[in-house]
Amino acid sequence: MALKEQLQKLATEKNTPCVTISLNTHRAHPDNAKDEVLLKNLLKEAEDRVIAEFGKRPVASLLEKLENVSAEIDVNYNLDSLHLFLSNDTKEIVKSSWKTNNEGVHISDSFAVRPIIKSFNRSVSYLVMLLSQSGVQLYEAINDEIIAEVRNDDFPFSENRHYNTHSDKGSDPKHLDDLVREFLNKVDKALVKVHNETDLNCVVICTEDNYSRLQQVADKPSVYLGYTAIDYNNTATHQIVKQSWNTIEGLQQQRRKNAIEEMKEAVAQGKVLTDLQEIYQASIDGRGELLIVHQDFSKAVLMKDERTFDIIDDATTPNAIDDITSNIAWEVISKKGEVFFTTQDEIKDLGKIVLKTRY
């Protein structure tokens, strides 16, 4: 199931109870052996709390999942965090490339989907083009992993066949430059065709000179997210995707910075809310255009009615929502707004959670 579909499913489920278990994990041995122990302890904590609050019979299916789900998780394939979403009707296991600030057991009538929202916001699908005049390969990537090579009528390109055939022009730099541009123009048209089919933009691994020429002949320069310098001794897929991911991460950080600037400008227009209750109400009313939450911020609440709540200190209180920011973030996303979780401290000038409203 695609992450967006998974988020939609989990964020809209209402059940009594919904159990979310989140923990930071490790990719390599021996550290990932600790993950197995921590997961076992959290599952036991969840079981004890569920039985104490709901008894055994009404949650028999959930208790069975809590008992057996660990057998489905191979710690040798852990990423940076692990999230389990369990109810009488649901069992979803999500591995994320992002650390979580919400480790622990969360029990409510809805799932704590904040980690999935963060992964969704920071999961980027894009193209990686390895470009040289000896050939061109195109790959599809998600974050720091290549998932497939693009093979069609155009890709992969063989070497540049637009070579000089006129002996009297062998030393003519303009003629040689024109031949390279003709080759790059064909590469660009093939790339734009893939972009139009997939809606994916592209990071190029090439020389600065080739990227400059490519931009000059490009039909849609905006398709290119940037380039990183080619190292002809390190062109294996795991090496080039590491290079391209560095470019993507830089662009994402800039997006978060731009969002903070947008929020600051909106203050003067009277469109920014910083009160948690007002933010929640605006989000469920569809007024949320841009939500920014500092990564270390969360609040447990006890709902008084559909629109108001009391902030509480004990997230394990029966019927509590242990982190209302998850609910707010989903309301904003589901109503076509943008959400950013950030560690950038510039947002603290406004508050640890701020919402720009549409009106």
Protein backbone atom coordinates (compact mmCIF):
# COMPACT_ATOMS: atom_id res chain seq x y z
CA MET A 1 0.00 0.00 0.00
CA ALA A 2 1.37 3.45 -0.95
CA LEU A 3 2.23 5.70 1.97
CA LYS A 4 -0.45 8.24 1.03
CA GLU A 5 -3.15 5.54 0.95
CA GLN A 6 -1.85 4.11 4.22
CA LEU A 7 -2.02 7.55 5.83
CA GLN A 8 -5.56 8.06 4.57
CA LYS A 9 -6.66 4.70 5.99
CA LEU A 10 -5.02 5.12 9.38
CA ALA A 11 -5.92 8.77 9.89
CA THR A 12 -9.61 8.21 9.29
CA GLU A 13 -10.05 5.09 11.43
CA LYS A 14 -12.06 5.44 14.63
CA ASN A 15 -11.93 2.45 16.95
CA THR A 16 -11.97 1.68 20.64
CA PRO A 17 -9.09 1.44 21.11
CA CYS A 18 -6.49 2.27 18.50
CA VAL A 19 -2.97 1.35 19.62
CA THR A 20 0.08 3.04 18.10
CA ILE A 21 3.56 1.84 19.04
CA SER A 22 6.56 3.88 17.88
CA LEU A 23 10.25 3.27 18.46
CA ASN A 24 13.56 4.35 17.01
CA THR A 25 15.45 1.47 15.38
CA HIS A 26 18.85 0.62 13.94
CA ARG A 27 19.84 -0.56 10.48
CA ALA A 28 22.80 -2.72 11.46
CA HIS A 29 23.87 -5.47 13.86
CA PRO A 30 24.49 -5.53 16.81
CA ASP A 31 22.41 -2.43 17.56
CA ASN A 32 19.28 -3.83 15.91
CA ALA A 33 19.24 -6.64 18.52
CA LYS A 34 18.24 -3.94 21.05
CA ASP A 35 15.24 -3.09 18.84
CA GLU A 36 13.81 -6.58 19.33
CA VAL A 37 13.98 -6.22 23.13
CA LEU A 38 12.47 -2.72 23.12
CA LEU A 39 9.63 -3.80 20.83
CA LYS A 40 8.83 -6.76 23.07
CA ASN A 41 8.65 -4.46 26.11
CA LEU A 42 6.42 -1.94 24.35
CA LEU A 43 4.06 -4.66 23.15
CA LYS A 44 3.78 -5.95 26.72
CA GLU A 45 3.10 -2.42 27.99
CA ALA A 46 0.37 -2.00 25.36
CA GLU A 47 -1.20 -5.34 26.28
CA ASP A 48 -1.28 -4.50 30.00
CA ARG A 49 -2.77 -1.06 29.43
CA VAL A 50 -5.42 -2.32 27.01
CA ILE A 51 -6.54 -5.10 29.36
CA ALA A 52 -6.62 -2.73 32.34
CA GLU A 53 -8.77 -0.20 30.49
CA PHE A 54 -10.97 -2.34 28.25
CA GLY A 55 -10.87 -5.89 29.62
CA LYS A 56 -10.05 -8.91 27.46
CA ARG A 57 -13.23 -9.92 25.66
CA PRO A 58 -14.03 -6.66 23.78
CA VAL A 59 -10.47 -6.45 22.43
CA ALA A 60 -9.69 -10.12 21.81
CA SER A 61 -8.66 -9.53 18.18
CA LEU A 62 -6.39 -6.64 19.17
CA LEU A 63 -4.73 -8.69 21.92
CA GLU A 64 -4.04 -11.46 19.42
CA LYS A 65 -2.30 -8.95 17.13
CA LEU A 66 -0.24 -7.60 20.03
CA GLU A 67 0.88 -11.14 20.84
CA ASN A 68 1.81 -12.17 17.29
CA VAL A 69 2.88 -9.07 15.39
CA SER A 70 6.55 -9.22 16.45
CA ALA A 71 6.95 -12.44 14.43
CA GLU A 72 6.31 -10.40 11.27
CA ILE A 73 9.15 -7.94 11.91
CA ASP A 74 12.69 -8.85 10.85
CA VAL A 75 15.01 -6.48 12.72
CA ASN A 76 17.72 -7.12 10.10
CA TYR A 77 15.70 -4.91 7.75
CA ASN A 78 14.95 -2.07 10.15
CA LEU A 79 15.32 1.53 9.05
CA ASP A 80 15.46 4.48 11.50
CA SER A 81 12.08 4.05 13.18
CA LEU A 82 9.26 1.52 13.37
CA HIS A 83 5.55 2.20 13.84
CA LEU A 84 2.79 -0.32 14.55
CA PHE A 85 -0.89 0.57 14.16
CA LEU A 86 -3.16 -2.02 15.74
CA SER A 87 -6.87 -2.27 16.49
CA ASN A 88 -9.53 -4.99 16.41
CA ASP A 89 -9.81 -4.33 12.66
CA THR A 90 -6.39 -3.08 11.61
CA LYS A 91 -2.76 -4.16 11.58
CA GLU A 92 -0.28 -1.93 9.78
CA ILE A 93 3.52 -1.99 10.13
CA VAL A 94 5.40 1.06 8.86
CA LYS A 95 9.19 1.42 8.69
CA SER A 96 10.49 4.95 8.31
CA SER A 97 13.79 6.56 7.31
CA TRP A 98 13.18 9.25 9.95
CA LYS A 99 13.77 9.17 13.68
CA THR A 100 10.69 9.69 15.85
CA ASN A 101 10.26 12.01 18.82
CA ASN A 102 7.15 10.08 19.89
CA GLU A 103 8.59 6.80 21.12
CA GLY A 104 6.24 4.73 23.22
CA VAL A 105 2.72 3.32 23.39
CA HIS A 106 -0.17 5.57 22.36
CA ILE A 107 -3.75 4.46 23.05
CA SER A 108 -6.76 6.47 21.90
CA ASP A 109 -9.84 6.17 19.70
CA SER A 110 -7.67 7.12 16.70
CA PHE A 111 -4.12 6.34 15.60
CA ALA A 112 -1.17 8.66 16.30
CA VAL A 113 -0.27 9.23 12.66
CA ARG A 114 2.22 12.04 13.16
CA PRO A 115 5.23 9.82 12.24
CA ILE A 116 3.50 8.79 9.00
CA ILE A 117 2.72 12.41 8.16
CA LYS A 118 6.36 13.27 8.69
CA SER A 119 7.45 10.38 6.46
CA PHE A 120 4.84 11.34 3.86
CA ASN A 121 6.02 14.96 3.84
CA ARG A 122 9.66 13.97 3.60
CA SER A 123 9.34 11.04 1.20
CA VAL A 124 10.31 12.25 -2.24
CA SER A 125 10.00 10.36 -5.49
CA TYR A 126 12.26 11.70 -8.23
CA LEU A 127 14.43 10.75 -11.19
CA VAL A 128 18.22 10.41 -11.18
CA MET A 129 19.98 10.80 -14.53
CA LEU A 130 23.58 9.68 -14.89
CA LEU A 131 24.70 11.80 -17.82
CA SER A 132 27.93 11.57 -19.78
CA GLN A 133 28.79 11.56 -23.46
CA SER A 134 29.66 7.88 -23.17
CA GLY A 135 26.03 7.08 -22.26
CA VAL A 136 22.99 8.08 -20.20
CA GLN A 137 21.06 6.03 -17.63
CA LEU A 138 17.85 7.11 -15.91
CA TYR A 139 16.60 5.78 -12.57
CA GLU A 140 13.56 6.27 -10.35
CA ALA A 141 14.36 6.92 -6.68
CA ILE A 142 12.55 7.39 -3.39
CA ASN A 143 14.61 9.32 -0.85
CA ASP A 144 18.05 7.65 -0.67
CA GLU A 145 17.12 4.48 -2.54
CA ILE A 146 16.90 3.69 -6.25
CA ILE A 147 13.87 1.51 -6.89
CA ALA A 148 14.06 0.94 -10.66
CA GLU A 149 15.94 1.79 -13.82
CA VAL A 150 13.87 3.50 -16.50
CA ARG A 151 14.06 1.48 -19.69
CA ASN A 152 12.07 2.57 -22.72
CA ASP A 153 12.59 3.47 -26.38
CA ASP A 154 15.02 6.23 -25.36
CA PHE A 155 16.74 5.17 -22.13
CA PRO A 156 19.39 4.06 -21.63
CA PHE A 157 21.20 6.20 -24.23
CA SER A 158 24.32 4.85 -25.85
CA GLU A 159 27.34 7.11 -26.28
CA ASN A 160 27.02 10.47 -28.00
CA ARG A 161 26.98 9.67 -31.72
CA HIS A 162 26.88 13.31 -32.71
CA TYR A 163 30.60 13.29 -33.33
CA ASN A 164 32.54 15.34 -35.84
CA THR A 165 32.61 13.87 -39.36
CA HIS A 166 34.26 16.85 -41.04
CA SER A 167 38.04 16.75 -40.87
CA ASP A 168 38.26 20.46 -41.66
CA LYS A 169 36.17 21.24 -38.54
CA GLY A 170 38.00 18.95 -36.13
CA SER A 171 39.49 21.89 -34.29
CA ASP A 172 36.43 24.15 -34.56
CA PRO A 173 35.21 24.52 -30.93
CA LYS A 174 31.87 26.00 -31.97
CA HIS A 175 31.13 23.03 -34.24
CA LEU A 176 32.09 20.54 -31.52
CA ASP A 177 29.95 22.44 -29.00
CA ASP A 178 26.97 22.32 -31.36
CA LEU A 179 27.35 18.54 -31.65
CA VAL A 180 27.26 18.14 -27.86
CA ARG A 181 24.21 20.41 -27.62
CA GLU A 182 22.42 18.33 -30.25
CA PHE A 183 23.06 15.20 -28.19
CA LEU A 184 21.89 16.89 -24.97
CA ASN A 185 18.80 18.21 -26.71
CA LYS A 186 17.76 14.64 -27.56
CA VAL A 187 18.44 13.55 -23.97
CA ASP A 188 16.31 16.43 -22.69
CA LYS A 189 13.36 15.60 -24.93
CA ALA A 190 13.49 11.97 -23.77
CA LEU A 191 13.63 13.08 -20.12
CA VAL A 192 10.71 15.48 -20.52
CA LYS A 193 8.67 12.64 -22.01
CA VAL A 194 9.28 10.56 -18.85
CA HIS A 195 8.48 13.58 -16.68
CA ASN A 196 5.17 14.10 -18.48
CA GLU A 197 4.25 10.46 -17.88
CA THR A 198 5.33 10.29 -14.21
CA ASP A 199 5.22 13.92 -12.99
CA LEU A 200 8.69 13.31 -11.48
CA ASN A 201 11.49 15.86 -11.57
CA CYS A 202 15.15 15.00 -12.02
CA VAL A 203 18.55 15.32 -10.36
CA VAL A 204 21.40 15.03 -12.86
CA ILE A 205 24.80 13.47 -12.15
CA CYS A 206 27.17 15.06 -14.65
CA THR A 207 29.89 17.66 -15.19
CA GLU A 208 29.15 21.31 -14.55
CA ASP A 209 29.75 22.03 -18.24
CA ASN A 210 27.27 19.41 -19.43
CA TYR A 211 24.63 20.58 -16.95
CA SER A 212 25.04 24.18 -18.10
CA ARG A 213 24.57 23.14 -21.72
CA LEU A 214 21.62 20.91 -20.80
CA GLN A 215 19.88 23.85 -19.14
CA GLN A 216 20.47 25.99 -22.21
CA VAL A 217 18.80 23.49 -24.57
CA ALA A 218 16.10 22.28 -22.13
CA ASP A 219 12.46 22.55 -23.22
CA LYS A 220 11.36 22.68 -19.55
CA PRO A 221 14.29 23.72 -17.33
CA SER A 222 12.07 23.50 -14.23
CA VAL A 223 12.04 19.69 -14.60
CA TYR A 224 15.65 19.67 -13.36
CA LEU A 225 16.07 19.95 -9.58
CA GLY A 226 19.82 20.49 -9.88
CA TYR A 227 23.00 18.58 -10.54
CA THR A 228 25.84 17.02 -8.60
CA ALA A 229 29.32 16.50 -10.00
CA ILE A 230 30.01 13.13 -11.58
CA ASP A 231 32.83 10.98 -10.22
CA TYR A 232 33.65 8.55 -13.00
CA ASN A 233 35.19 6.13 -10.47
CA ASN A 234 31.98 6.00 -8.40
CA THR A 235 28.94 5.58 -10.61
CA ALA A 236 27.28 2.56 -8.98
CA THR A 237 23.61 3.13 -8.24
CA HIS A 238 24.09 3.28 -4.45
CA GLN A 239 26.76 5.94 -4.93
CA ILE A 240 24.86 8.21 -7.30
CA VAL A 241 21.62 8.05 -5.29
CA LYS A 242 23.56 9.15 -2.20
CA GLN A 243 24.74 12.18 -4.18
CA SER A 244 21.28 12.99 -5.48
CA TRP A 245 19.67 12.58 -2.05
CA ASN A 246 22.01 15.24 -0.66
CA THR A 247 20.59 17.61 -3.28
CA ILE A 248 17.00 16.67 -2.42
CA GLU A 249 17.59 17.12 1.32
CA GLY A 250 18.97 20.59 0.67
CA LEU A 251 15.87 21.50 -1.33
CA GLN A 252 13.59 20.16 1.42
CA GLN A 253 15.38 22.20 4.05
CA GLN A 254 14.93 25.27 1.87
CA ARG A 255 11.21 24.48 1.54
CA ARG A 256 10.88 24.40 5.32
CA LYS A 257 12.80 27.67 5.58
CA ASN A 258 10.54 29.25 2.96
CA ALA A 259 7.47 28.00 4.84
CA ILE A 260 8.69 29.70 8.02
CA GLU A 261 9.23 32.96 6.12
CA GLU A 262 5.74 32.65 4.64
CA MET A 263 4.35 32.16 8.14
CA LYS A 264 6.16 35.25 9.44
CA GLU A 265 4.79 37.36 6.58
CA ALA A 266 1.27 36.09 7.32
CA VAL A 267 1.50 37.44 10.89
CA ALA A 268 1.20 41.00 9.59
CA GLN A 269 -1.93 39.98 7.66
CA GLY A 270 -3.62 38.67 10.81
CA LYS A 271 -3.81 35.13 9.39
CA VAL A 272 -1.72 33.26 11.97
CA LEU A 273 -3.08 31.32 14.94
CA THR A 274 -0.89 30.18 17.85
CA ASP A 275 -3.50 29.05 20.38
CA LEU A 276 -3.80 25.25 20.26
CA GLN A 277 -7.59 25.22 20.67
CA GLU A 278 -8.08 27.81 17.92
CA ILE A 279 -5.68 25.91 15.65
CA TYR A 280 -7.64 22.70 16.13
CA GLN A 281 -10.97 24.35 15.39
CA ALA A 282 -9.62 26.10 12.29
CA SER A 283 -8.15 22.82 11.03
CA ILE A 284 -11.44 20.90 11.29
CA ASP A 285 -13.23 23.83 9.63
CA GLY A 286 -10.91 23.59 6.61
CA ARG A 287 -9.27 26.96 7.22
CA GLY A 288 -5.73 25.61 7.60
CA GLU A 289 -3.44 26.58 4.72
CA LEU A 290 -0.02 26.04 6.30
CA LEU A 291 0.80 24.29 9.59
CA ILE A 292 4.28 24.28 11.11
CA VAL A 293 5.03 22.20 14.20
CA HIS A 294 8.35 22.13 16.02
CA GLN A 295 9.54 18.55 16.13
CA ASP A 296 9.75 18.36 19.92
CA PHE A 297 6.18 19.65 20.49
CA SER A 298 3.24 17.44 21.43
CA LYS A 299 0.21 17.83 23.70
CA ALA A 300 -2.12 15.30 25.29
CA VAL A 301 -5.78 16.38 25.52
CA LEU A 302 -9.13 15.14 26.72
CA MET A 303 -11.98 16.08 24.40
CA LYS A 304 -14.92 17.91 26.00
CA ASP A 305 -16.98 17.89 22.80
CA GLU A 306 -16.28 17.79 19.06
CA ARG A 307 -14.58 21.21 19.02
CA THR A 308 -13.03 21.77 22.45
CA PHE A 309 -10.64 19.97 24.78
CA ASP A 310 -8.74 20.23 28.02
CA ILE A 311 -4.95 19.94 27.95
CA ILE A 312 -3.77 17.23 30.33
CA ASP A 313 -0.38 16.13 31.67
CA ASP A 314 -0.97 12.36 31.71
CA ALA A 315 -1.21 10.96 28.19
CA THR A 316 -2.31 7.58 29.59
CA THR A 317 -5.54 9.06 30.98
CA PRO A 318 -8.51 6.95 29.73
CA ASN A 319 -10.04 8.37 26.50
CA ALA A 320 -7.18 10.86 26.09
CA ILE A 321 -5.73 11.85 22.73
CA ASP A 322 -2.06 11.65 23.58
CA ASP A 323 -0.93 14.02 20.83
CA ILE A 324 -3.52 16.37 19.35
CA THR A 325 -0.98 17.63 16.79
CA SER A 326 -1.43 14.37 14.83
CA ASN A 327 -5.15 15.07 14.48
CA ILE A 328 -4.54 18.69 13.54
CA ALA A 329 -1.91 17.79 10.95
CA TRP A 330 -4.19 15.26 9.29
CA GLU A 331 -7.09 17.73 9.18
CA VAL A 332 -4.86 20.26 7.41
CA ILE A 333 -3.46 17.74 4.92
CA SER A 334 -6.85 16.17 4.15
CA LYS A 335 -8.23 19.61 3.34
CA LYS A 336 -5.42 20.47 0.87
CA GLY A 337 -3.18 22.38 3.26
CA GLU A 338 0.57 21.96 3.82
CA VAL A 339 2.23 20.61 6.98
CA PHE A 340 5.85 20.85 8.08
CA PHE A 341 7.53 19.33 11.12
CA THR A 342 10.81 21.11 11.67
CA THR A 343 13.78 21.30 14.00
CA GLN A 344 14.57 24.83 12.80
CA ASP A 345 14.33 27.12 15.80
CA GLU A 346 13.20 30.16 13.80
CA ILE A 347 9.63 28.97 14.28
CA LYS A 348 9.94 29.37 18.05
CA ASP A 349 9.69 33.15 17.59
CA LEU A 350 6.02 32.51 16.80
CA GLY A 351 5.36 29.40 18.89
CA LYS A 352 5.96 25.67 18.76
CA ILE A 353 2.81 25.15 16.68
CA VAL A 354 1.46 27.80 14.30
CA LEU A 355 -1.23 27.81 11.64
CA LYS A 356 -1.64 30.14 8.70
CA THR A 357 -5.33 30.33 7.83
CA ARG A 358 -6.91 30.75 4.44
CA TYR A 359 -9.28 33.47 5.69
